[in-house]
C-alpha atoms as a PDB file:
ATOM      1  CA  UNK A   1     -21.906  25.105  -7.893  1.00  0.00           C
ATOM      2  CA  UNK A   2     -24.483  22.450  -7.054  1.00  0.00           C
ATOM      3  CA  UNK A   3     -25.162  22.279  -3.287  1.00  0.00           C
ATOM      4  CA  UNK A   4     -25.177  18.471  -3.310  1.00  0.00           C
ATOM      5  CA  UNK A   5     -21.721  18.513  -4.918  1.00  0.00           C
ATOM      6  CA  UNK A   6     -20.423  20.931  -2.270  1.00  0.00           C
ATOM      7  CA  UNK A   7     -21.845  18.667   0.421  1.00  0.00           C
ATOM      8  CA  UNK A   8     -20.127  15.657  -1.177  1.00  0.00           C
ATOM      9  CA  UNK A   9     -16.771  17.467  -1.297  1.00  0.00           C
ATOM     10  CA  UNK A  10     -17.074  18.431   2.383  1.00  0.00           C
ATOM     11  CA  UNK A  11     -17.943  14.855   3.315  1.00  0.00           C
ATOM     12  CA  UNK A  12     -14.921  13.564   1.345  1.00  0.00           C
ATOM     13  CA  UNK A  13     -12.655  16.018   3.182  1.00  0.00           C
ATOM     14  CA  UNK A  14     -14.007  14.821   6.527  1.00  0.00           C
ATOM     15  CA  UNK A  15     -13.568  11.166   5.563  1.00  0.00           C
ATOM     16  CA  UNK A  16     -10.007  11.833   4.387  1.00  0.00           C
ATOM     17  CA  UNK A  17      -9.155  13.227   7.827  1.00  0.00           C
ATOM     18  CA  UNK A  18     -10.424  10.018   9.466  1.00  0.00           C
ATOM     19  CA  UNK A  19      -8.148   7.265   8.083  1.00  0.00           C
ATOM     20  CA  UNK A  20      -9.543   4.732  10.567  1.00  0.00           C
ATOM     21  CA  UNK A  21     -12.618   4.532   8.327  1.00  0.00           C
ATOM     22  CA  UNK A  22     -10.594   2.803   5.599  1.00  0.00           C
ATOM     23  CA  UNK A  23      -9.138  -0.716   5.593  1.00  0.00           C
ATOM     24  CA  UNK A  24      -7.106  -1.932   2.644  1.00  0.00           C
ATOM     25  CA  UNK A  25      -7.953  -5.554   1.827  1.00  0.00           C
ATOM     26  CA  UNK A  26      -6.108  -5.836  -1.475  1.00  0.00           C
ATOM     27  CA  UNK A  27      -4.005  -3.679  -3.727  1.00  0.00           C
ATOM     28  CA  UNK A  28      -2.297  -3.908  -7.116  1.00  0.00           C
ATOM     29  CA  UNK A  29       0.318  -1.308  -7.978  1.00  0.00           C
ATOM     30  CA  UNK A  30       2.772  -0.568 -10.759  1.00  0.00           C
ATOM     31  CA  UNK A  31       5.930   0.882  -9.182  1.00  0.00           C
ATOM     32  CA  UNK A  32       8.397   2.826 -11.333  1.00  0.00           C
ATOM     33  CA  UNK A  33      11.744   2.218  -9.630  1.00  0.00           C
ATOM     34  CA  UNK A  34      15.250   3.291 -10.618  1.00  0.00           C
ATOM     35  CA  UNK A  35      15.932  -0.043 -12.357  1.00  0.00           C
ATOM     36  CA  UNK A  36      12.577  -0.624 -14.005  1.00  0.00           C
ATOM     37  CA  UNK A  37       8.881  -0.999 -13.382  1.00  0.00           C
ATOM     38  CA  UNK A  38       7.701  -3.611 -10.903  1.00  0.00           C
ATOM     39  CA  UNK A  39       4.267  -5.130 -10.293  1.00  0.00           C
ATOM     40  CA  UNK A  40       3.338  -5.164  -6.597  1.00  0.00           C
ATOM     41  CA  UNK A  41       0.313  -6.710  -4.957  1.00  0.00           C
ATOM     42  CA  UNK A  42      -1.183  -7.079  -1.514  1.00  0.00           C
ATOM     43  CA  UNK A  43      -3.504 -10.044  -1.058  1.00  0.00           C
ATOM     44  CA  UNK A  44      -4.655 -10.673   2.468  1.00  0.00           C
ATOM     45  CA  UNK A  45      -1.580  -9.998   4.602  1.00  0.00           C
ATOM     46  CA  UNK A  46       0.896 -11.051   1.896  1.00  0.00           C
ATOM     47  CA  UNK A  47       2.897  -8.663  -0.267  1.00  0.00           C
ATOM     48  CA  UNK A  48       4.487  -9.613  -3.579  1.00  0.00           C
ATOM     49  CA  UNK A  49       6.831  -7.679  -5.846  1.00  0.00           C
ATOM     50  CA  UNK A  50       8.328  -8.611  -9.183  1.00  0.00           C
ATOM     51  CA  UNK A  51      11.800  -7.275  -8.366  1.00  0.00           C
ATOM     52  CA  UNK A  52      14.877  -9.486  -7.905  1.00  0.00           C
ATOM     53  CA  UNK A  53      15.435  -8.489  -4.264  1.00  0.00           C
ATOM     54  CA  UNK A  54      11.921  -9.538  -3.275  1.00  0.00           C
ATOM     55  CA  UNK A  55      12.355 -12.899  -5.014  1.00  0.00           C
ATOM     56  CA  UNK A  56      15.267 -13.701  -2.672  1.00  0.00           C
ATOM     57  CA  UNK A  57      14.328 -11.866   0.538  1.00  0.00           C
ATOM     58  CA  UNK A  58      10.499 -11.541   0.495  1.00  0.00           C
ATOM     59  CA  UNK A  59      10.962  -7.825   1.165  1.00  0.00           C
ATOM     60  CA  UNK A  60      12.169  -4.861  -0.887  1.00  0.00           C
ATOM     61  CA  UNK A  61      12.236  -1.070  -0.967  1.00  0.00           C
ATOM     62  CA  UNK A  62       9.128  -1.047  -3.174  1.00  0.00           C
ATOM     63  CA  UNK A  63       7.016  -2.928  -0.609  1.00  0.00           C
ATOM     64  CA  UNK A  64       8.471  -0.853   2.233  1.00  0.00           C
ATOM     65  CA  UNK A  65       7.493   2.331   0.369  1.00  0.00           C
ATOM     66  CA  UNK A  66       3.872   1.210   0.053  1.00  0.00           C
ATOM     67  CA  UNK A  67       3.819   0.110   3.691  1.00  0.00           C
ATOM     68  CA  UNK A  68       4.835   3.664   4.641  1.00  0.00           C
ATOM     69  CA  UNK A  69       2.385   5.340   2.248  1.00  0.00           C
ATOM     70  CA  UNK A  70      -0.618   3.286   3.324  1.00  0.00           C
ATOM     71  CA  UNK A  71       0.373   2.661   6.973  1.00  0.00           C
ATOM     72  CA  UNK A  72      -2.734   4.300   8.412  1.00  0.00           C
ATOM     73  CA  UNK A  73      -4.906   1.850   6.472  1.00  0.00           C
ATOM     74  CA  UNK A  74      -3.011  -1.414   7.007  1.00  0.00           C
ATOM     75  CA  UNK A  75      -3.232  -4.041   9.709  1.00  0.00           C
ATOM     76  CA  UNK A  76      -0.028  -4.683  11.703  1.00  0.00           C
ATOM     77  CA  UNK A  77       0.588  -7.864   9.672  1.00  0.00           C
ATOM     78  CA  UNK A  78       0.420  -5.843   6.428  1.00  0.00           C
ATOM     79  CA  UNK A  79       2.553  -3.000   7.801  1.00  0.00           C
ATOM     80  CA  UNK A  80       5.491  -5.060   9.047  1.00  0.00           C
ATOM     81  CA  UNK A  81       7.144  -7.685   6.892  1.00  0.00           C
ATOM     82  CA  UNK A  82      10.183  -9.688   7.925  1.00  0.00           C
ATOM     83  CA  UNK A  83      13.013 -10.105   5.496  1.00  0.00           C
ATOM     84  CA  UNK A  84      13.866 -13.689   4.681  1.00  0.00           C
ATOM     85  CA  UNK A  85      17.590 -14.346   4.983  1.00  0.00           C
ATOM     86  CA  UNK A  86      18.750 -16.884   2.378  1.00  0.00           C
ATOM     87  CA  UNK A  87      20.627 -19.898   3.738  1.00  0.00           C
END
């Protein structure tokens, strides 16, 4: 194996163990849920999801899943979203 490739793999392993090096600034995801596929996005501190629950409450299980998966790379505003209670 090429020594520069081995060095690159080792560096990638080290970087992966240091999540503070990475900051997510935007994200687009296709989420395959139980009731269909939903388009999710993170722009700035704002999440969006194409599911019905998000349309009413501004929060859903799909967004919460991504907040858990990427927690080490998100700012507090991105990590914690308040549910909107309809009037």
